N, C-alpha and C. Protein backbone atom coordinates (compact mmCIF):
# COMPACT_ATOMS: atom_id res chain seq x y z
N MET A 1 -4.40 1.02 4.94
CA MET A 1 -5.23 -0.21 6.02
C MET A 1 -6.46 0.64 5.88
N ASP A 2 -6.93 1.21 4.95
CA ASP A 2 -8.42 1.53 4.86
C ASP A 2 -8.11 2.96 6.07
N ALA A 3 -7.35 3.23 5.86
CA ALA A 3 -7.73 4.90 6.70
C ALA A 3 -8.24 6.25 5.58
N PRO A 4 -8.97 6.88 5.95
CA PRO A 4 -9.35 7.99 5.17
C PRO A 4 -8.37 8.91 4.83
N ALA A 5 -8.59 9.33 3.37
CA ALA A 5 -7.40 10.63 3.07
C ALA A 5 -6.93 11.32 3.78
N ALA A 6 -8.05 11.67 4.68
CA ALA A 6 -7.45 12.77 5.91
C ALA A 6 -6.63 12.60 6.84
N GLU A 7 -6.28 11.29 7.04
CA GLU A 7 -5.68 10.69 7.94
C GLU A 7 -4.29 10.40 7.22
N ILE A 8 -3.99 10.57 6.59
CA ILE A 8 -2.50 10.32 5.99
C ILE A 8 -2.09 11.55 6.13
N ARG A 9 -1.25 11.97 6.67
CA ARG A 9 -0.40 13.31 6.32
C ARG A 9 1.27 12.86 6.60
N PRO A 10 1.93 14.15 6.31
CA PRO A 10 3.53 14.23 5.87
C PRO A 10 4.25 13.57 6.67
N GLN A 11 4.24 13.19 8.19
CA GLN A 11 4.88 12.28 8.65
C GLN A 11 5.00 10.50 8.25
N ASN A 12 3.47 10.52 8.25
CA ASN A 12 2.82 9.52 8.00
C ASN A 12 3.59 9.13 6.56
N VAL A 13 3.85 9.50 5.93
CA VAL A 13 4.51 9.58 4.42
C VAL A 13 5.91 9.59 4.24
N LYS A 14 6.50 10.11 5.28
CA LYS A 14 7.91 9.89 5.28
C LYS A 14 8.11 8.74 6.12
N ASP A 15 7.44 8.36 7.12
CA ASP A 15 7.78 6.67 8.08
C ASP A 15 8.04 5.60 6.92
N PHE A 16 6.66 5.61 6.00
CA PHE A 16 6.28 4.50 4.75
C PHE A 16 7.76 4.67 3.76
N LEU A 17 7.94 5.81 3.22
CA LEU A 17 8.95 6.49 2.21
C LEU A 17 10.67 5.53 3.04
N ARG A 18 10.49 6.11 4.04
CA ARG A 18 11.88 5.64 5.24
C ARG A 18 12.27 4.27 4.86
N TRP A 19 10.55 3.66 5.76
CA TRP A 19 10.86 1.98 5.52
C TRP A 19 10.98 1.27 4.26
N ALA A 20 10.30 1.72 3.27
CA ALA A 20 9.95 0.97 2.18
C ALA A 20 10.99 1.25 1.37
N PHE A 21 11.43 2.56 1.39
CA PHE A 21 12.25 3.03 -0.34
C PHE A 21 13.67 3.15 0.16
N LEU A 22 14.01 4.41 1.42
CA LEU A 22 14.84 5.12 1.55
C LEU A 22 15.83 4.93 2.11
N ASP A 23 15.75 4.29 3.24
CA ASP A 23 16.31 4.04 5.00
C ASP A 23 17.71 5.18 4.91
N THR A 24 16.94 6.30 5.12
CA THR A 24 17.40 7.63 5.68
C THR A 24 16.78 8.02 6.62
N ARG A 25 17.48 9.15 7.23
CA ARG A 25 17.66 9.65 8.16
C ARG A 25 17.21 11.23 7.87
N ASP A 26 18.01 11.26 6.51
CA ASP A 26 17.97 12.74 6.37
C ASP A 26 16.67 13.22 5.82
N PRO A 27 16.05 14.44 6.91
CA PRO A 27 14.45 15.31 6.79
C PRO A 27 14.44 15.43 5.28
N GLU A 28 15.77 16.52 4.64
CA GLU A 28 14.99 17.27 3.56
C GLU A 28 15.36 16.17 2.58
N GLU A 29 15.54 15.59 1.65
CA GLU A 29 15.22 14.05 1.15
C GLU A 29 14.04 13.75 1.32
N LEU A 30 13.17 13.58 2.67
CA LEU A 30 11.99 13.50 2.34
C LEU A 30 11.17 14.46 2.41
N ASP A 31 11.01 15.58 2.80
CA ASP A 31 10.66 16.60 2.34
C ASP A 31 10.18 17.24 1.13
N GLU A 32 11.18 16.74 0.18
CA GLU A 32 11.55 16.96 -1.26
C GLU A 32 10.31 15.69 -1.53
N TYR A 33 10.23 14.27 -1.23
CA TYR A 33 9.28 13.78 -1.36
C TYR A 33 7.63 14.10 -0.97
N VAL A 34 7.72 14.41 0.03
CA VAL A 34 6.28 14.73 0.22
C VAL A 34 5.64 15.40 -0.63
N VAL A 35 6.70 16.71 -0.65
CA VAL A 35 6.34 17.86 -1.51
C VAL A 35 5.62 17.37 -3.14
N GLU A 36 6.35 16.41 -3.75
CA GLU A 36 6.19 16.03 -4.69
C GLU A 36 4.55 15.41 -4.63
N ILE A 37 4.40 14.70 -3.60
CA ILE A 37 3.61 14.22 -3.23
C ILE A 37 1.93 14.91 -3.72
N GLU A 38 2.38 15.88 -2.48
CA GLU A 38 1.11 16.71 -2.54
C GLU A 38 1.15 17.40 -3.60
N ARG A 39 1.85 17.88 -4.78
CA ARG A 39 1.79 18.60 -5.96
C ARG A 39 0.97 17.11 -7.00
N LEU A 40 1.36 15.70 -7.06
CA LEU A 40 0.84 14.96 -7.76
C LEU A 40 -0.75 14.51 -7.14
N LEU A 41 -0.76 15.07 -5.72
CA LEU A 41 -2.62 15.08 -4.91
C LEU A 41 -3.40 16.22 -4.90
N GLY A 42 -2.51 17.13 -5.43
CA GLY A 42 -3.04 18.42 -6.25
C GLY A 42 -4.00 19.24 -4.58
N ARG A 43 -3.17 18.33 -3.75
CA ARG A 43 -3.79 19.28 -2.14
C ARG A 43 -2.51 19.44 -1.49
N LYS A 44 -2.70 20.04 -0.43
CA LYS A 44 -1.91 20.00 0.69
C LYS A 44 -2.07 18.69 1.76
N MET A 45 -1.47 18.22 2.31
CA MET A 45 -1.86 17.48 3.51
C MET A 45 -1.70 18.03 4.61
N GLU A 46 -2.63 17.87 5.51
CA GLU A 46 -2.01 18.87 7.46
C GLU A 46 -0.95 18.25 7.93
N PRO A 47 -0.12 19.35 8.46
CA PRO A 47 0.91 19.21 9.14
C PRO A 47 0.59 18.10 9.98
N GLY A 48 1.92 17.53 10.41
CA GLY A 48 1.66 16.38 11.51
C GLY A 48 1.53 14.84 11.54
N SER A 49 1.61 14.01 12.25
CA SER A 49 1.14 12.46 11.68
C SER A 49 -0.43 12.17 12.54
N GLY A 50 -0.77 11.27 11.23
CA GLY A 50 -2.15 10.94 11.85
C GLY A 50 -2.57 9.86 12.18
N ASN A 51 -3.92 9.30 12.20
CA ASN A 51 -3.72 7.83 13.07
C ASN A 51 -3.63 6.57 11.97
N SER A 52 -3.26 6.98 10.68
CA SER A 52 -3.05 5.71 9.89
C SER A 52 -1.89 5.04 10.07
N GLN A 53 -1.53 3.63 9.35
CA GLN A 53 -0.94 3.02 9.73
C GLN A 53 -0.91 2.38 8.29
N CYS A 54 0.67 2.10 7.78
CA CYS A 54 0.96 1.32 6.45
C CYS A 54 1.24 0.15 6.74
N LEU A 55 0.72 -1.07 5.54
CA LEU A 55 0.50 -2.00 5.54
C LEU A 55 2.48 -2.61 5.56
N ARG A 56 3.27 -2.99 6.29
CA ARG A 56 4.69 -3.34 6.22
C ARG A 56 4.67 -5.02 5.89
N LEU A 57 4.56 -5.18 5.01
CA LEU A 57 4.56 -6.74 4.10
C LEU A 57 5.55 -7.29 5.05
N ILE A 58 6.68 -7.39 5.56
CA ILE A 58 7.46 -8.20 6.43
C ILE A 58 7.15 -8.35 7.38
N PHE A 59 6.09 -7.65 8.31
CA PHE A 59 6.11 -7.04 9.55
C PHE A 59 4.35 -7.73 10.27
N ASP A 60 3.55 -7.13 9.30
CA ASP A 60 2.78 -6.97 9.88
C ASP A 60 1.89 -8.87 9.18
N LYS A 61 0.45 -9.00 9.57
CA LYS A 61 -0.10 -10.15 9.47
C LYS A 61 -0.54 -9.81 8.11
N VAL A 62 -0.63 -10.88 7.20
CA VAL A 62 -1.36 -10.83 6.18
C VAL A 62 -2.37 -11.80 6.04
N ASP A 63 -3.83 -11.56 6.08
CA ASP A 63 -4.48 -12.65 5.92
C ASP A 63 -4.37 -13.48 4.72
N MET A 64 -4.59 -14.67 4.54
CA MET A 64 -4.36 -15.35 3.20
C MET A 64 -5.58 -16.80 3.21
N TRP A 65 -5.90 -16.59 2.10
CA TRP A 65 -7.46 -18.01 1.73
C TRP A 65 -6.59 -18.79 0.97
N HIS A 66 -7.50 -19.85 1.57
CA HIS A 66 -6.39 -20.98 0.95
C HIS A 66 -7.20 -21.82 0.33
N TRP A 67 -6.90 -22.07 -1.14
CA TRP A 67 -8.47 -22.66 -2.46
C TRP A 67 -8.38 -24.35 -1.96
N SER A 68 -9.17 -25.00 -1.85
CA SER A 68 -8.93 -26.22 -1.99
C SER A 68 -8.92 -27.18 -3.52
N LEU A 69 -8.38 -27.92 -3.44
CA LEU A 69 -7.96 -28.64 -4.60
C LEU A 69 -9.30 -28.98 -6.00
N THR A 70 -10.46 -28.80 -5.07
CA THR A 70 -11.57 -29.21 -5.92
C THR A 70 -11.83 -27.45 -6.59
N TRP A 71 -11.53 -26.61 -5.99
CA TRP A 71 -11.57 -25.19 -6.97
C TRP A 71 -10.63 -25.58 -8.14
N TYR A 72 -9.75 -25.35 -7.87
CA TYR A 72 -8.75 -25.13 -8.97
C TYR A 72 -9.36 -27.06 -9.76
N MET A 73 -9.68 -27.87 -9.48
CA MET A 73 -10.18 -28.52 -10.75
C MET A 73 -11.04 -27.92 -11.50
N VAL A 74 -12.03 -27.34 -10.60
CA VAL A 74 -13.42 -27.00 -11.67
C VAL A 74 -13.20 -25.79 -12.53
N SER A 75 -11.78 -24.81 -11.94
CA SER A 75 -11.25 -23.66 -12.72
C SER A 75 -11.06 -24.37 -14.16
N PHE A 76 -10.06 -24.97 -14.32
CA PHE A 76 -9.24 -25.98 -14.83
C PHE A 76 -9.92 -26.64 -15.94
N TYR A 77 -11.11 -27.17 -15.48
CA TYR A 77 -11.89 -27.50 -16.21
C TYR A 77 -13.32 -26.20 -16.78
N GLY A 78 -12.92 -25.43 -16.39
CA GLY A 78 -14.18 -24.16 -17.15
C GLY A 78 -13.14 -23.51 -18.05
N GLU A 79 -11.68 -23.25 -18.09
CA GLU A 79 -10.88 -22.41 -18.78
C GLU A 79 -10.73 -24.00 -20.04
N ILE A 80 -11.18 -24.95 -20.05
CA ILE A 80 -10.91 -25.80 -21.31
C ILE A 80 -11.77 -25.87 -21.70
N VAL A 81 -13.16 -26.11 -21.32
CA VAL A 81 -14.29 -25.72 -21.89
C VAL A 81 -14.22 -24.56 -22.82
N CYS A 82 -13.78 -22.97 -21.75
CA CYS A 82 -13.81 -21.69 -22.56
C CYS A 82 -12.93 -21.81 -23.89
N GLY A 83 -11.67 -22.47 -23.59
CA GLY A 83 -11.47 -22.66 -24.99
C GLY A 83 -11.48 -23.31 -26.16
N ILE A 84 -12.43 -24.59 -25.85
CA ILE A 84 -12.88 -25.02 -26.44
C ILE A 84 -14.10 -24.38 -27.52
N ILE A 85 -14.85 -23.22 -27.12
CA ILE A 85 -15.79 -23.09 -27.38
C ILE A 85 -15.28 -21.72 -28.11
């Protein structure tokens, strides 16, 4: 959610993994994932928890834009014209 990379810390990663994928409380298993993520990033994360928050699609509000019927008609006819040419 637009957090700087320095604000993403191991505890934030563990919280996200626990919520999104693992549903576990075993800290050793989560530590292995953090070590692997640090290896893939090519840098160590500072210990602790930063001020970042992950977007949890089930709980957090997602701003949506609704297109008008006019937009769909314009894009439909544009696709037809491009297909003919």
